[in-house]
Each structure stands twice: as C-alpha cells, then as structure tokens.
Protein backbone atom coordinates (compact mmCIF):
# COMPACT_ATOMS: atom_id res chain seq x y z
CA MET A 1 -44.38 -45.70 -83.30
CA THR A 2 -43.31 -48.92 -85.16
CA THR A 3 -40.80 -50.86 -83.73
CA LEU A 4 -38.20 -52.16 -86.28
CA SER A 5 -37.04 -55.46 -85.72
CA GLU A 6 -32.95 -55.65 -85.57
CA GLN A 7 -32.62 -57.11 -89.25
CA GLN A 8 -35.14 -54.10 -90.63
CA PHE A 9 -32.54 -52.29 -88.94
CA ARG A 10 -30.02 -53.68 -90.90
CA VAL A 11 -31.64 -53.34 -93.74
CA LYS A 12 -32.71 -49.75 -93.99
CA SER A 13 -29.87 -48.41 -91.98
CA ASP A 14 -27.49 -49.95 -94.47
CA ASP A 15 -30.07 -48.29 -97.24
CA ALA A 16 -29.60 -44.63 -95.85
CA PHE A 17 -25.95 -45.09 -96.02
CA GLU A 18 -25.72 -45.90 -99.28
CA GLU A 19 -28.11 -42.83 -100.24
CA ALA A 20 -26.53 -40.31 -97.71
CA ARG A 21 -23.12 -41.09 -99.80
CA ARG A 22 -23.91 -40.60 -103.07
CA ALA A 23 -25.95 -37.98 -102.70
CA LEU A 24 -22.43 -36.75 -101.06
CA LEU A 25 -20.53 -36.98 -104.25
CA PRO A 26 -21.50 -34.50 -106.61
CA LEU A 27 -20.19 -32.28 -103.33
CA ALA A 28 -17.16 -33.98 -102.16
CA ASP A 29 -15.82 -33.73 -106.31
CA THR A 30 -15.82 -30.61 -105.57
CA GLU A 31 -15.62 -29.31 -102.50
CA GLU A 32 -12.28 -32.97 -102.57
CA PHE A 33 -13.60 -34.59 -99.42
CA GLU A 34 -13.23 -38.32 -98.93
CA VAL A 35 -17.05 -39.88 -98.55
CA GLU A 36 -15.74 -43.11 -96.86
CA LEU A 37 -18.24 -46.95 -96.53
CA GLN A 38 -16.81 -50.09 -95.45
CA ASN A 39 -17.99 -51.65 -92.64
CA GLY A 40 -21.68 -50.34 -92.26
CA VAL A 41 -19.88 -46.91 -90.94
CA LEU A 42 -19.80 -43.65 -93.06
CA VAL A 43 -17.10 -41.33 -92.47
CA LEU A 44 -16.71 -38.26 -94.89
CA VAL A 45 -12.70 -36.44 -94.27
CA PHE A 46 -12.50 -33.00 -94.98
CA GLU A 47 -8.54 -31.50 -95.27
CA ALA A 48 -9.94 -28.02 -94.73
CA PRO A 49 -10.65 -25.91 -94.33
CA GLN A 50 -9.41 -28.08 -91.24
CA ASP A 51 -8.85 -31.85 -90.79
CA ALA A 52 -12.18 -33.45 -89.27
CA LYS A 53 -13.88 -36.40 -89.14
CA PHE A 54 -17.87 -36.69 -89.48
CA VAL A 55 -18.57 -40.19 -88.81
CA VAL A 56 -21.70 -41.57 -89.26
CA SER A 57 -22.91 -45.23 -87.58
CA PRO A 58 -25.73 -47.27 -86.45
CA ASN A 59 -26.66 -48.19 -83.37
CA ALA A 60 -29.00 -51.61 -83.20
CA PRO A 61 -30.06 -51.37 -80.45
CA VAL A 62 -31.58 -48.52 -80.13
CA ARG A 63 -32.00 -48.55 -83.67
CA GLN A 64 -31.13 -45.29 -84.70
CA ILE A 65 -28.32 -43.90 -85.96
CA TRP A 66 -25.61 -41.88 -84.26
CA VAL A 67 -23.51 -38.88 -86.34
CA SER A 68 -20.47 -37.54 -84.82
CA ALA A 69 -19.46 -34.14 -86.11
CA MET A 70 -18.07 -30.92 -85.12
CA ALA A 71 -18.06 -32.36 -81.39
CA LYS A 72 -22.00 -32.90 -81.59
CA SER A 73 -23.77 -35.58 -82.24
CA TYR A 74 -26.81 -36.18 -83.59
CA LYS A 75 -29.14 -39.40 -83.24
CA LEU A 76 -31.35 -40.41 -85.75
CA SER A 77 -34.40 -42.24 -85.51
CA TRP A 78 -36.63 -44.58 -87.79
CA VAL A 79 -40.04 -42.50 -89.42
CA PRO A 80 -42.14 -45.08 -90.98
CA GLU A 81 -44.30 -41.80 -92.01
CA SER A 82 -41.58 -41.07 -94.85
CA GLY A 83 -39.62 -44.03 -94.82
CA VAL A 84 -35.83 -42.38 -93.82
CA PHE A 85 -34.34 -41.76 -90.76
CA ALA A 86 -34.10 -38.42 -89.14
CA LEU A 87 -34.15 -35.62 -86.56
CA ASN A 88 -37.10 -33.67 -85.96
CA GLY A 89 -38.39 -34.25 -89.24
CA GLU A 90 -34.46 -33.84 -91.66
CA SER A 91 -33.28 -37.15 -92.86
CA LEU A 92 -30.22 -38.20 -92.50
CA SER A 93 -29.19 -37.57 -96.73
CA ALA A 94 -30.42 -33.36 -95.13
CA LEU A 95 -28.20 -32.59 -92.56
CA LEU A 96 -25.11 -34.54 -93.21
CA ASP A 97 -25.04 -31.98 -96.63
CA ARG A 98 -26.68 -29.24 -94.36
CA LEU A 99 -23.71 -30.38 -91.90
CA THR A 100 -21.00 -30.56 -94.66
CA ARG A 101 -21.95 -27.31 -96.33
CA GLU A 102 -21.71 -24.95 -92.75
CA PHE A 103 -18.51 -26.66 -91.92
CA LEU A 104 -17.37 -25.66 -95.69
CA ARG A 105 -17.76 -22.42 -94.87
CA SER A 106 -16.11 -21.83 -91.85
C-alpha cells in the first residue's frame, strides 16, 4: 500500500471533498439540506426528517478521511488503484450519497 505524504494527502482529500460536495448538490437542492465546505471540513446539515449533521473531516496523521453520520463513524483510506478515498470499495462520494439517502428515508 502506498503511503501518501502529508502534502499529497491534503491535496487529494481537498479534491475528494470538493468532488463529494459537487456530487451532493443536486440531491441537496431537491431534498433541501445544506452542503457546506469550510476550513477543510465538509458538513451536511439536515432539518428533515430530523435535525442532524454529517461531518466529513481529514485526519492527516493517519491519512484517512473520517465521516461521522447517524451515530456511526466511517474511516476511508486512499486507494491508489482507483484514485479515491474508499471504505470496502465504496468511494467517499458514493458513501455520502448512500448515507444521505438512507437518512432521508428514515
């Protein structure tokens, strides 16, 4: 497994956050939730079906992206073969899309 330098991690995590933000915007417009990317942290803010936040943050010391959503924690690592941060083969964008849809159906 290739270990990213801190600089490589920051660039790739920033790119992953921006890609995830853009991928979620159409759903956010339709379902009326907020997607905010500030200071290197991606936050999804929901008012319905209940007040909730999903927080996506970089964890540079371990070179992972951590997602806190629906009282669970997800830790995504860089997968050089596919060029994405993923957990069990699911990319950050796909994970956030799935969790958001699950939450909205709850």
